[in-house]
PDB file of N, CA and C in Angstrom:
ATOM      1  N   UNK A   1      20.944 151.418  86.121  1.00  0.00           N
ATOM      2  CA  UNK A   1      21.587 151.330  84.817  1.00  0.00           C
ATOM      3  C   UNK A   1      22.899 152.131  84.808  1.00  0.00           C
ATOM      4  N   UNK A   2      22.866 153.347  85.328  1.00  0.00           N
ATOM      5  CA  UNK A   2      24.064 154.192  85.367  1.00  0.00           C
ATOM      6  C   UNK A   2      25.143 153.543  86.232  1.00  0.00           C
ATOM      7  N   UNK A   3      24.721 152.958  87.352  1.00  0.00           N
ATOM      8  CA  UNK A   3      25.681 152.292  88.236  1.00  0.00           C
ATOM      9  C   UNK A   3      26.353 151.112  87.531  1.00  0.00           C
ATOM     10  N   UNK A   4      25.608 150.357  86.727  1.00  0.00           N
ATOM     11  CA  UNK A   4      26.162 149.221  85.979  1.00  0.00           C
ATOM     12  C   UNK A   4      27.200 149.713  84.963  1.00  0.00           C
ATOM     13  N   UNK A   5      26.922 150.812  84.283  1.00  0.00           N
ATOM     14  CA  UNK A   5      27.861 151.387  83.307  1.00  0.00           C
ATOM     15  C   UNK A   5      29.131 151.850  84.012  1.00  0.00           C
ATOM     16  N   UNK A   6      28.961 152.485  85.186  1.00  0.00           N
ATOM     17  CA  UNK A   6      30.124 152.942  85.940  1.00  0.00           C
ATOM     18  C   UNK A   6      30.987 151.766  86.399  1.00  0.00           C
ATOM     19  N   UNK A   7      30.347 150.715  86.885  1.00  0.00           N
ATOM     20  CA  UNK A   7      31.090 149.534  87.328  1.00  0.00           C
ATOM     21  C   UNK A   7      31.820 148.869  86.161  1.00  0.00           C
ATOM     22  N   UNK A   8      31.151 148.793  85.010  1.00  0.00           N
ATOM     23  CA  UNK A   8      31.772 148.211  83.821  1.00  0.00           C
ATOM     24  C   UNK A   8      32.981 149.044  83.396  1.00  0.00           C
ATOM     25  N   UNK A   9      32.832 150.355  83.412  1.00  0.00           N
ATOM     26  CA  UNK A   9      33.934 151.248  83.039  1.00  0.00           C
ATOM     27  C   UNK A   9      35.100 151.096  84.009  1.00  0.00           C
ATOM     28  N   UNK A  10      34.792 150.996  85.310  1.00  0.00           N
ATOM     29  CA  UNK A  10      35.830 150.827  86.315  1.00  0.00           C
ATOM     30  C   UNK A  10      36.574 149.511  86.107  1.00  0.00           C
ATOM     31  N   UNK A  11      35.848 148.447  85.845  1.00  0.00           N
ATOM     32  CA  UNK A  11      36.468 147.146  85.595  1.00  0.00           C
ATOM     33  C   UNK A  11      37.378 147.206  84.375  1.00  0.00           C
ATOM     34  N   UNK A  12      36.936 147.872  83.328  1.00  0.00           N
ATOM     35  CA  UNK A  12      37.728 148.006  82.112  1.00  0.00           C
ATOM     36  C   UNK A  12      39.032 148.758  82.389  1.00  0.00           C
ATOM     37  N   UNK A  13      38.948 149.832  83.156  1.00  0.00           N
ATOM     38  CA  UNK A  13      40.142 150.606  83.508  1.00  0.00           C
ATOM     39  C   UNK A  13      41.115 149.746  84.321  1.00  0.00           C
ATOM     40  N   UNK A  14      40.596 148.989  85.281  1.00  0.00           N
ATOM     41  CA  UNK A  14      41.457 148.121  86.090  1.00  0.00           C
ATOM     42  C   UNK A  14      42.135 147.043  85.254  1.00  0.00           C
ATOM     43  N   UNK A  15      41.408 146.458  84.315  1.00  0.00           N
ATOM     44  CA  UNK A  15      41.983 145.431  83.437  1.00  0.00           C
ATOM     45  C   UNK A  15      43.082 146.024  82.574  1.00  0.00           C
ATOM     46  N   UNK A  16      42.840 147.188  82.008  1.00  0.00           N
ATOM     47  CA  UNK A  16      43.853 147.856  81.176  1.00  0.00           C
ATOM     48  C   UNK A  16      45.090 148.178  82.010  1.00  0.00           C
ATOM     49  N   UNK A  17      44.905 148.659  83.232  1.00  0.00           N
ATOM     50  CA  UNK A  17      46.038 148.982  84.101  1.00  0.00           C
ATOM     51  C   UNK A  17      46.830 147.724  84.436  1.00  0.00           C
ATOM     52  N   UNK A  18      46.142 146.627  84.718  1.00  0.00           N
ATOM     53  CA  UNK A  18      46.812 145.370  85.046  1.00  0.00           C
ATOM     54  C   UNK A  18      47.610 144.855  83.855  1.00  0.00           C
ATOM     55  N   UNK A  19      47.025 144.886  82.679  1.00  0.00           N
ATOM     56  CA  UNK A  19      47.732 144.437  81.471  1.00  0.00           C
ATOM     57  C   UNK A  19      48.958 145.307  81.231  1.00  0.00           C
ATOM     58  N   UNK A  20      48.842 146.598  81.456  1.00  0.00           N
ATOM     59  CA  UNK A  20      49.982 147.511  81.298  1.00  0.00           C
ATOM     60  C   UNK A  20      51.111 147.175  82.251  1.00  0.00           C
ATOM     61  N   UNK A  21      50.774 146.829  83.484  1.00  0.00           N
ATOM     62  CA  UNK A  21      51.791 146.451  84.469  1.00  0.00           C
ATOM     63  C   UNK A  21      52.466 145.145  84.089  1.00  0.00           C
ATOM     64  N   UNK A  22      51.701 144.191  83.624  1.00  0.00           N
ATOM     65  CA  UNK A  22      52.265 142.894  83.257  1.00  0.00           C
ATOM     66  C   UNK A  22      53.206 143.042  82.073  1.00  0.00           C
ATOM     67  N   UNK A  23      52.831 143.810  81.072  1.00  0.00           N
ATOM     68  CA  UNK A  23      53.663 143.921  79.884  1.00  0.00           C
ATOM     69  C   UNK A  23      54.966 144.664  80.161  1.00  0.00           C
ATOM     70  N   UNK A  24      55.032 145.431  81.256  1.00  0.00           N
ATOM     71  CA  UNK A  24      56.244 146.168  81.585  1.00  0.00           C
ATOM     72  C   UNK A  24      57.048 145.476  82.680  1.00  0.00           C
ATOM     73  N   UNK A  25      56.711 144.234  82.974  1.00  0.00           N
ATOM     74  CA  UNK A  25      57.421 143.499  84.013  1.00  0.00           C
ATOM     75  C   UNK A  25      58.886 143.345  83.630  1.00  0.00           C
ATOM     76  N   UNK A  26      59.799 143.490  84.604  1.00  0.00           N
ATOM     77  CA  UNK A  26      61.216 143.339  84.304  1.00  0.00           C
ATOM     78  C   UNK A  26      61.529 141.928  83.811  1.00  0.00           C
ATOM     79  N   UNK A  27      62.530 141.835  83.003  1.00  0.00           N
ATOM     80  CA  UNK A  27      62.936 140.548  82.450  1.00  0.00           C
ATOM     81  C   UNK A  27      64.441 140.381  82.598  1.00  0.00           C
ATOM     82  N   UNK A  28      64.880 139.140  82.735  1.00  0.00           N
ATOM     83  CA  UNK A  28      66.320 138.898  82.816  1.00  0.00           C
ATOM     84  C   UNK A  28      66.921 138.632  81.444  1.00  0.00           C
ATOM     85  N   UNK A  29      66.099 138.657  80.402  1.00  0.00           N
ATOM     86  CA  UNK A  29      66.609 138.488  79.043  1.00  0.00           C
ATOM     87  C   UNK A  29      67.534 139.660  78.725  1.00  0.00           C
ATOM     88  N   UNK A  30      68.698 139.354  78.177  1.00  0.00           N
ATOM     89  CA  UNK A  30      69.638 140.402  77.807  1.00  0.00           C
ATOM     90  C   UNK A  30      71.072 139.984  78.058  1.00  0.00           C
ATOM     91  N   UNK A  31      71.967 140.951  77.969  1.00  0.00           N
ATOM     92  CA  UNK A  31      73.393 140.713  78.202  1.00  0.00           C
ATOM     93  C   UNK A  31      73.767 141.286  79.555  1.00  0.00           C
ATOM     94  N   UNK A  32      74.476 140.487  80.349  1.00  0.00           N
ATOM     95  CA  UNK A  32      74.833 140.853  81.714  1.00  0.00           C
ATOM     96  C   UNK A  32      76.340 140.715  81.924  1.00  0.00           C
ATOM     97  N   UNK A  33      76.924 141.647  82.693  1.00  0.00           N
ATOM     98  CA  UNK A  33      78.366 141.639  82.972  1.00  0.00           C
ATOM     99  C   UNK A  33      78.601 141.565  84.472  1.00  0.00           C
ATOM    100  N   UNK A  34      79.511 140.687  84.882  1.00  0.00           N
ATOM    101  CA  UNK A  34      79.908 140.586  86.285  1.00  0.00           C
ATOM    102  C   UNK A  34      81.361 140.988  86.412  1.00  0.00           C
ATOM    103  N   UNK A  35      81.607 142.139  87.040  1.00  0.00           N
ATOM    104  CA  UNK A  35      82.982 142.578  87.257  1.00  0.00           C
ATOM    105  C   UNK A  35      83.679 141.683  88.276  1.00  0.00           C
ATOM    106  N   UNK A  36      82.943 141.178  89.252  1.00  0.00           N
ATOM    107  CA  UNK A  36      83.561 140.364  90.295  1.00  0.00           C
ATOM    108  C   UNK A  36      84.088 139.050  89.736  1.00  0.00           C
ATOM    109  N   UNK A  37      83.437 138.505  88.692  1.00  0.00           N
ATOM    110  CA  UNK A  37      83.860 137.229  88.126  1.00  0.00           C
ATOM    111  C   UNK A  37      84.436 137.352  86.716  1.00  0.00           C
ATOM    112  N   UNK A  38      84.456 138.562  86.155  1.00  0.00           N
ATOM    113  CA  UNK A  38      84.935 138.802  84.789  1.00  0.00           C
ATOM    114  C   UNK A  38      84.211 137.953  83.752  1.00  0.00           C
ATOM    115  N   UNK A  39      82.908 137.810  83.908  1.00  0.00           N
ATOM    116  CA  UNK A  39      82.167 137.021  82.933  1.00  0.00           C
ATOM    117  C   UNK A  39      81.021 137.824  82.324  1.00  0.00           C
ATOM    118  N   UNK A  40      80.646 137.389  81.129  1.00  0.00           N
ATOM    119  CA  UNK A  40      79.497 137.943  80.413  1.00  0.00           C
ATOM    120  C   UNK A  40      78.491 136.809  80.281  1.00  0.00           C
ATOM    121  N   UNK A  41      77.253 137.118  80.608  1.00  0.00           N
ATOM    122  CA  UNK A  41      76.193 136.129  80.470  1.00  0.00           C
ATOM    123  C   UNK A  41      75.130 136.706  79.547  1.00  0.00           C
ATOM    124  N   UNK A  42      74.800 135.940  78.517  1.00  0.00           N
ATOM    125  CA  UNK A  42      73.753 136.348  77.589  1.00  0.00           C
ATOM    126  C   UNK A  42      72.575 135.402  77.797  1.00  0.00           C
ATOM    127  N   UNK A  43      71.439 135.979  78.152  1.00  0.00           N
ATOM    128  CA  UNK A  43      70.213 135.212  78.369  1.00  0.00           C
ATOM    129  C   UNK A  43      69.256 135.581  77.240  1.00  0.00           C
ATOM    130  N   UNK A  44      68.964 134.619  76.402  1.00  0.00           N
ATOM    131  CA  UNK A  44      68.137 134.858  75.218  1.00  0.00           C
ATOM    132  C   UNK A  44      66.664 134.568  75.482  1.00  0.00           C
ATOM    133  N   UNK A  45      65.824 135.258  74.742  1.00  0.00           N
ATOM    134  CA  UNK A  45      64.381 135.089  74.861  1.00  0.00           C
ATOM    135  C   UNK A  45      63.927 133.682  74.478  1.00  0.00           C
ATOM    136  N   UNK A  46      64.695 132.993  73.633  1.00  0.00           N
ATOM    137  CA  UNK A  46      64.304 131.663  73.150  1.00  0.00           C
ATOM    138  C   UNK A  46      64.639 130.534  74.135  1.00  0.00           C
ATOM    139  N   UNK A  47      65.064 130.893  75.360  1.00  0.00           N
ATOM    140  CA  UNK A  47      65.336 129.874  76.370  1.00  0.00           C
ATOM    141  C   UNK A  47      66.753 129.333  76.359  1.00  0.00           C
ATOM    142  N   UNK A  48      67.669 130.025  75.695  1.00  0.00           N
ATOM    143  CA  UNK A  48      69.070 129.604  75.702  1.00  0.00           C
ATOM    144  C   UNK A  48      69.915 130.656  76.421  1.00  0.00           C
ATOM    145  N   UNK A  49      71.081 130.229  76.875  1.00  0.00           N
ATOM    146  CA  UNK A  49      72.010 131.153  77.524  1.00  0.00           C
ATOM    147  C   UNK A  49      73.433 130.791  77.135  1.00  0.00           C
ATOM    148  N   UNK A  50      74.340 131.747  77.321  1.00  0.00           N
ATOM    149  CA  UNK A  50      75.768 131.500  77.095  1.00  0.00           C
ATOM    150  C   UNK A  50      76.546 132.363  78.084  1.00  0.00           C
ATOM    151  N   UNK A  51      77.593 131.781  78.634  1.00  0.00           N
ATOM    152  CA  UNK A  51      78.461 132.488  79.566  1.00  0.00           C
ATOM    153  C   UNK A  51      79.883 132.420  79.018  1.00  0.00           C
ATOM    154  N   UNK A  52      80.561 133.575  79.008  1.00  0.00           N
ATOM    155  CA  UNK A  52      81.942 133.612  78.533  1.00  0.00           C
ATOM    156  C   UNK A  52      82.782 134.460  79.484  1.00  0.00           C
ATOM    157  N   UNK A  53      84.100 134.288  79.389  1.00  0.00           N
ATOM    158  CA  UNK A  53      85.046 135.021  80.217  1.00  0.00           C
ATOM    159  C   UNK A  53      85.464 136.282  79.473  1.00  0.00           C
ATOM    160  N   UNK A  54      85.277 137.439  80.101  1.00  0.00           N
ATOM    161  CA  UNK A  54      85.615 138.720  79.465  1.00  0.00           C
ATOM    162  C   UNK A  54      87.114 138.885  79.229  1.00  0.00           C
ATOM    163  N   UNK A  55      87.919 138.208  80.013  1.00  0.00           N
ATOM    164  CA  UNK A  55      89.364 138.417  79.926  1.00  0.00           C
ATOM    165  C   UNK A  55      90.041 137.541  78.881  1.00  0.00           C
ATOM    166  N   UNK A  56      89.319 136.539  78.371  1.00  0.00           N
ATOM    167  CA  UNK A  56      89.903 135.631  77.395  1.00  0.00           C
ATOM    168  C   UNK A  56      89.139 135.702  76.078  1.00  0.00           C
ATOM    169  N   UNK A  57      89.849 135.779  74.984  1.00  0.00           N
ATOM    170  CA  UNK A  57      89.204 135.817  73.678  1.00  0.00           C
ATOM    171  C   UNK A  57      88.658 134.422  73.356  1.00  0.00           C
ATOM    172  N   UNK A  58      87.422 134.375  72.883  1.00  0.00           N
ATOM    173  CA  UNK A  58      86.757 133.117  72.525  1.00  0.00           C
ATOM    174  C   UNK A  58      86.720 132.125  73.686  1.00  0.00           C
ATOM    175  N   UNK A  59      86.489 132.624  74.896  1.00  0.00           N
ATOM    176  CA  UNK A  59      86.475 131.752  76.072  1.00  0.00           C
ATOM    177  C   UNK A  59      85.038 131.451  76.494  1.00  0.00           C
ATOM    178  N   UNK A  60      84.355 130.630  75.712  1.00  0.00           N
ATOM    179  CA  UNK A  60      83.014 130.211  76.088  1.00  0.00           C
ATOM    180  C   UNK A  60      83.129 129.234  77.240  1.00  0.00           C
ATOM    181  N   UNK A  61      82.517 129.576  78.356  1.00  0.00           N
ATOM    182  CA  UNK A  61      82.615 128.738  79.540  1.00  0.00           C
ATOM    183  C   UNK A  61      81.460 127.749  79.641  1.00  0.00           C
ATOM    184  N   UNK A  62      80.269 128.218  79.261  1.00  0.00           N
ATOM    185  CA  UNK A  62      79.078 127.419  79.500  1.00  0.00           C
ATOM    186  C   UNK A  62      77.953 127.909  78.605  1.00  0.00           C
ATOM    187  N   UNK A  63      77.165 126.995  78.092  1.00  0.00           N
ATOM    188  CA  UNK A  63      75.968 127.381  77.339  1.00  0.00           C
ATOM    189  C   UNK A  63      74.955 126.260  77.467  1.00  0.00           C
ATOM    190  N   UNK A  64      73.725 126.566  77.159  1.00  0.00           N
ATOM    191  CA  UNK A  64      72.676 125.568  77.253  1.00  0.00           C
ATOM    192  C   UNK A  64      71.303 126.201  77.244  1.00  0.00           C
ATOM    193  N   UNK A  65      70.380 125.599  77.958  1.00  0.00           N
ATOM    194  CA  UNK A  65      69.004 126.093  78.009  1.00  0.00           C
ATOM    195  C   UNK A  65      68.644 126.464  79.444  1.00  0.00           C
ATOM    196  N   UNK A  66      67.607 127.289  79.585  1.00  0.00           N
ATOM    197  CA  UNK A  66      67.162 127.700  80.910  1.00  0.00           C
ATOM    198  C   UNK A  66      65.645 127.860  80.920  1.00  0.00           C
ATOM    199  N   UNK A  67      65.114 127.944  82.130  1.00  0.00           N
ATOM    200  CA  UNK A  67      63.716 128.307  82.337  1.00  0.00           C
ATOM    201  C   UNK A  67      63.621 129.012  83.677  1.00  0.00           C
ATOM    202  N   UNK A  68      62.570 129.804  83.830  1.00  0.00           N
ATOM    203  CA  UNK A  68      62.344 130.556  85.056  1.00  0.00           C
ATOM    204  C   UNK A  68      61.108 130.000  85.750  1.00  0.00           C
ATOM    205  N   UNK A  69      61.217 129.782  87.048  1.00  0.00           N
ATOM    206  CA  UNK A  69      60.078 129.389  87.877  1.00  0.00           C
ATOM    207  C   UNK A  69      60.121 130.234  89.137  1.00  0.00           C
ATOM    208  N   UNK A  70      59.272 131.253  89.177  1.00  0.00           N
ATOM    209  CA  UNK A  70      59.286 132.170  90.327  1.00  0.00           C
ATOM    210  C   UNK A  70      60.605 132.893  90.402  1.00  0.00           C
ATOM    211  N   UNK A  71      61.323 132.727  91.529  1.00  0.00           N
ATOM    212  CA  UNK A  71      62.638 133.365  91.673  1.00  0.00           C
ATOM    213  C   UNK A  71      63.776 132.379  91.410  1.00  0.00           C
ATOM    214  N   UNK A  72      63.470 131.300  90.705  1.00  0.00           N
ATOM    215  CA  UNK A  72      64.471 130.277  90.382  1.00  0.00           C
ATOM    216  C   UNK A  72      64.881 130.370  88.913  1.00  0.00           C
ATOM    217  N   UNK A  73      66.176 130.354  88.689  1.00  0.00           N
ATOM    218  CA  UNK A  73      66.759 130.300  87.346  1.00  0.00           C
ATOM    219  C   UNK A  73      67.276 128.880  87.202  1.00  0.00           C
ATOM    220  N   UNK A  74      66.519 128.039  86.497  1.00  0.00           N
ATOM    221  CA  UNK A  74      66.884 126.631  86.313  1.00  0.00           C
ATOM    222  C   UNK A  74      67.551 126.511  84.957  1.00  0.00           C
ATOM    223  N   UNK A  75      68.772 126.029  84.937  1.00  0.00           N
ATOM    224  CA  UNK A  75      69.508 125.967  83.682  1.00  0.00           C
ATOM    225  C   UNK A  75      70.174 124.608  83.498  1.00  0.00           C
ATOM    226  N   UNK A  76      70.273 124.236  82.236  1.00  0.00           N
ATOM    227  CA  UNK A  76      70.882 122.955  81.888  1.00  0.00           C
ATOM    228  C   UNK A  76      71.998 123.207  80.890  1.00  0.00           C
ATOM    229  N   UNK A  77      73.241 123.180  81.361  1.00  0.00           N
ATOM    230  CA  UNK A  77      74.350 123.305  80.416  1.00  0.00           C
ATOM    231  C   UNK A  77      74.325 122.127  79.434  1.00  0.00           C
ATOM    232  N   UNK A  78      74.815 122.342  78.247  1.00  0.00           N
ATOM    233  CA  UNK A  78      74.843 121.301  77.229  1.00  0.00           C
ATOM    234  C   UNK A  78      75.465 120.029  77.789  1.00  0.00           C
ATOM    235  N   UNK A  79      74.760 118.914  77.610  1.00  0.00           N
ATOM    236  CA  UNK A  79      75.212 117.586  78.044  1.00  0.00           C
ATOM    237  C   UNK A  79      75.416 117.448  79.553  1.00  0.00           C
ATOM    238  N   UNK A  80      74.724 118.252  80.358  1.00  0.00           N
ATOM    239  CA  UNK A  80      74.832 118.146  81.806  1.00  0.00           C
ATOM    240  C   UNK A  80      73.442 118.105  82.427  1.00  0.00           C
ATOM    241  N   UNK A  81      73.384 117.978  83.741  1.00  0.00           N
ATOM    242  CA  UNK A  81      72.103 117.952  84.435  1.00  0.00           C
ATOM    243  C   UNK A  81      71.672 119.357  84.827  1.00  0.00           C
ATOM    244  N   UNK A  82      70.391 119.502  85.098  1.00  0.00           N
ATOM    245  CA  UNK A  82      69.829 120.815  85.446  1.00  0.00           C
ATOM    246  C   UNK A  82      70.353 121.298  86.794  1.00  0.00           C
ATOM    247  N   UNK A  83      70.667 122.585  86.848  1.00  0.00           N
ATOM    248  CA  UNK A  83      71.123 123.246  88.065  1.00  0.00           C
ATOM    249  C   UNK A  83      70.131 124.351  88.404  1.00  0.00           C
ATOM    250  N   UNK A  84      70.109 124.762  89.665  1.00  0.00           N
ATOM    251  CA  UNK A  84      69.168 125.800  90.085  1.00  0.00           C
ATOM    252  C   UNK A  84      69.889 126.911  90.824  1.00  0.00           C
ATOM    253  N   UNK A  85      69.657 128.142  90.396  1.00  0.00           N
ATOM    254  CA  UNK A  85      70.099 129.335  91.106  1.00  0.00           C
ATOM    255  C   UNK A  85      68.864 130.113  91.519  1.00  0.00           C
ATOM    256  N   UNK A  86      68.964 130.825  92.616  1.00  0.00           N
ATOM    257  CA  UNK A  86      67.936 131.791  92.977  1.00  0.00           C
ATOM    258  C   UNK A  86      68.378 133.120  92.388  1.00  0.00           C
ATOM    259  N   UNK A  87      67.416 133.913  91.899  1.00  0.00           N
ATOM    260  CA  UNK A  87      67.814 135.210  91.370  1.00  0.00           C
ATOM    261  C   UNK A  87      66.967 136.329  91.945  1.00  0.00           C
ATOM    262  N   UNK A  88      67.597 137.502  91.994  1.00  0.00           N
ATOM    263  CA  UNK A  88      66.916 138.730  92.390  1.00  0.00           C
ATOM    264  C   UNK A  88      67.253 139.755  91.325  1.00  0.00           C
ATOM    265  N   UNK A  89      66.217 140.387  90.766  1.00  0.00           N
ATOM    266  CA  UNK A  89      66.405 141.431  89.763  1.00  0.00           C
ATOM    267  C   UNK A  89      65.932 142.741  90.366  1.00  0.00           C
ATOM    268  N   UNK A  90      66.866 143.685  90.501  1.00  0.00           N
ATOM    269  CA  UNK A  90      66.549 145.012  91.019  1.00  0.00           C
ATOM    270  C   UNK A  90      67.063 146.033  90.016  1.00  0.00           C
ATOM    271  N   UNK A  91      66.145 146.582  89.223  1.00  0.00           N
ATOM    272  CA  UNK A  91      66.541 147.517  88.182  1.00  0.00           C
ATOM    273  C   UNK A  91      67.433 146.839  87.169  1.00  0.00           C
ATOM    274  N   UNK A  92      68.650 147.353  87.004  1.00  0.00           N
ATOM    275  CA  UNK A  92      69.606 146.779  86.056  1.00  0.00           C
ATOM    276  C   UNK A  92      70.671 145.935  86.754  1.00  0.00           C
ATOM    277  N   UNK A  93      70.346 145.422  87.934  1.00  0.00           N
ATOM    278  CA  UNK A  93      71.254 144.558  88.676  1.00  0.00           C
ATOM    279  C   UNK A  93      70.600 143.200  88.883  1.00  0.00           C
ATOM    280  N   UNK A  94      71.303 142.159  88.480  1.00  0.00           N
ATOM    281  CA  UNK A  94      70.838 140.788  88.614  1.00  0.00           C
ATOM    282  C   UNK A  94      71.793 140.057  89.550  1.00  0.00           C
ATOM    283  N   UNK A  95      71.261 139.471  90.607  1.00  0.00           N
ATOM    284  CA  UNK A  95      72.073 138.695  91.534  1.00  0.00           C
ATOM    285  C   UNK A  95      71.629 137.245  91.454  1.00  0.00           C
ATOM    286  N   UNK A  96      72.578 136.380  91.121  1.00  0.00           N
ATOM    287  CA  UNK A  96      72.331 134.936  91.079  1.00  0.00           C
ATOM    288  C   UNK A  96      73.016 134.299  92.277  1.00  0.00           C
ATOM    289  N   UNK A  97      72.295 133.413  92.960  1.00  0.00           N
ATOM    290  CA  UNK A  97      72.857 132.740  94.129  1.00  0.00           C
ATOM    291  C   UNK A  97      72.762 131.239  93.937  1.00  0.00           C
ATOM    292  N   UNK A  98      73.899 130.578  94.121  1.00  0.00           N
ATOM    293  CA  UNK A  98      73.963 129.117  94.082  1.00  0.00           C
ATOM    294  C   UNK A  98      74.560 128.654  95.403  1.00  0.00           C
ATOM    295  N   UNK A  99      73.755 127.974  96.198  1.00  0.00           N
ATOM    296  CA  UNK A  99      74.148 127.544  97.542  1.00  0.00           C
ATOM    297  C   UNK A  99      74.618 128.760  98.331  1.00  0.00           C
ATOM    298  N   UNK A 100      75.897 128.844  98.686  1.00  0.00           N
ATOM    299  CA  UNK A 100      76.420 129.948  99.506  1.00  0.00           C
ATOM    300  C   UNK A 100      77.038 131.078  98.666  1.00  0.00           C
ATOM    301  N   UNK A 101      77.149 130.893  97.353  1.00  0.00           N
ATOM    302  CA  UNK A 101      77.869 131.856  96.508  1.00  0.00           C
ATOM    303  C   UNK A 101      76.897 132.722  95.712  1.00  0.00           C
ATOM    304  N   UNK A 102      77.119 134.028  95.731  1.00  0.00           N
ATOM    305  CA  UNK A 102      76.316 134.962  94.941  1.00  0.00           C
ATOM    306  C   UNK A 102      77.197 135.698  93.955  1.00  0.00           C
ATOM    307  N   UNK A 103      76.652 135.953  92.787  1.00  0.00           N
ATOM    308  CA  UNK A 103      77.346 136.709  91.757  1.00  0.00           C
ATOM    309  C   UNK A 103      76.418 137.820  91.291  1.00  0.00           C
ATOM    310  N   UNK A 104      76.957 139.032  91.197  1.00  0.00           N
ATOM    311  CA  UNK A 104      76.165 140.194  90.814  1.00  0.00           C
ATOM    312  C   UNK A 104      76.521 140.624  89.406  1.00  0.00           C
ATOM    313  N   UNK A 105      75.502 140.861  88.609  1.00  0.00           N
ATOM    314  CA  UNK A 105      75.654 141.263  87.205  1.00  0.00           C
ATOM    315  C   UNK A 105      74.982 142.600  86.979  1.00  0.00           C
ATOM    316  N   UNK A 106      75.545 143.374  86.077  1.00  0.00           N
ATOM    317  CA  UNK A 106      74.923 144.619  85.618  1.00  0.00           C
ATOM    318  C   UNK A 106      74.486 144.426  84.183  1.00  0.00           C
ATOM    319  N   UNK A 107      73.303 144.935  83.853  1.00  0.00           N
ATOM    320  CA  UNK A 107      72.790 144.833  82.488  1.00  0.00           C
ATOM    321  C   UNK A 107      73.668 145.659  81.552  1.00  0.00           C
ATOM    322  N   UNK A 108      74.011 145.082  80.415  1.00  0.00           N
ATOM    323  CA  UNK A 108      74.810 145.793  79.404  1.00  0.00           C
ATOM    324  C   UNK A 108      73.969 146.921  78.825  1.00  0.00           C
ATOM    325  N   UNK A 109      74.604 148.031  78.543  1.00  0.00           N
ATOM    326  CA  UNK A 109      73.891 149.146  77.935  1.00  0.00           C
ATOM    327  C   UNK A 109      73.559 148.811  76.500  1.00  0.00           C
ATOM    328  N   UNK A 110      72.395 149.249  76.067  1.00  0.00           N
ATOM    329  CA  UNK A 110      71.920 148.947  74.721  1.00  0.00           C
ATOM    330  C   UNK A 110      72.466 149.919  73.718  1.00  0.00           C
TER     331      UNK A 110
END
């Protein structure tokens, strides 16, 4: 009986720890800046994104919808076909790669 209680308690602790890890998983939702390309990318929680040029006022370059599948950032600009980038998120650095080209973004400070 005591062993069953201990096993149940251990399982409960493991489940709580796992849920805690999942809820703190990094996310690409937010505002990102690329100095190399002078662009700002806003990735919204509702599945939309917008990209603009930092050097031009009101210079919206691209917007549309996106979804994540593993390490793939699949996005569909308005009135266009779906495109796929691979992404790597390391802390506050997001690297998007399309074919041979990579662009590095830093998360905007809150």
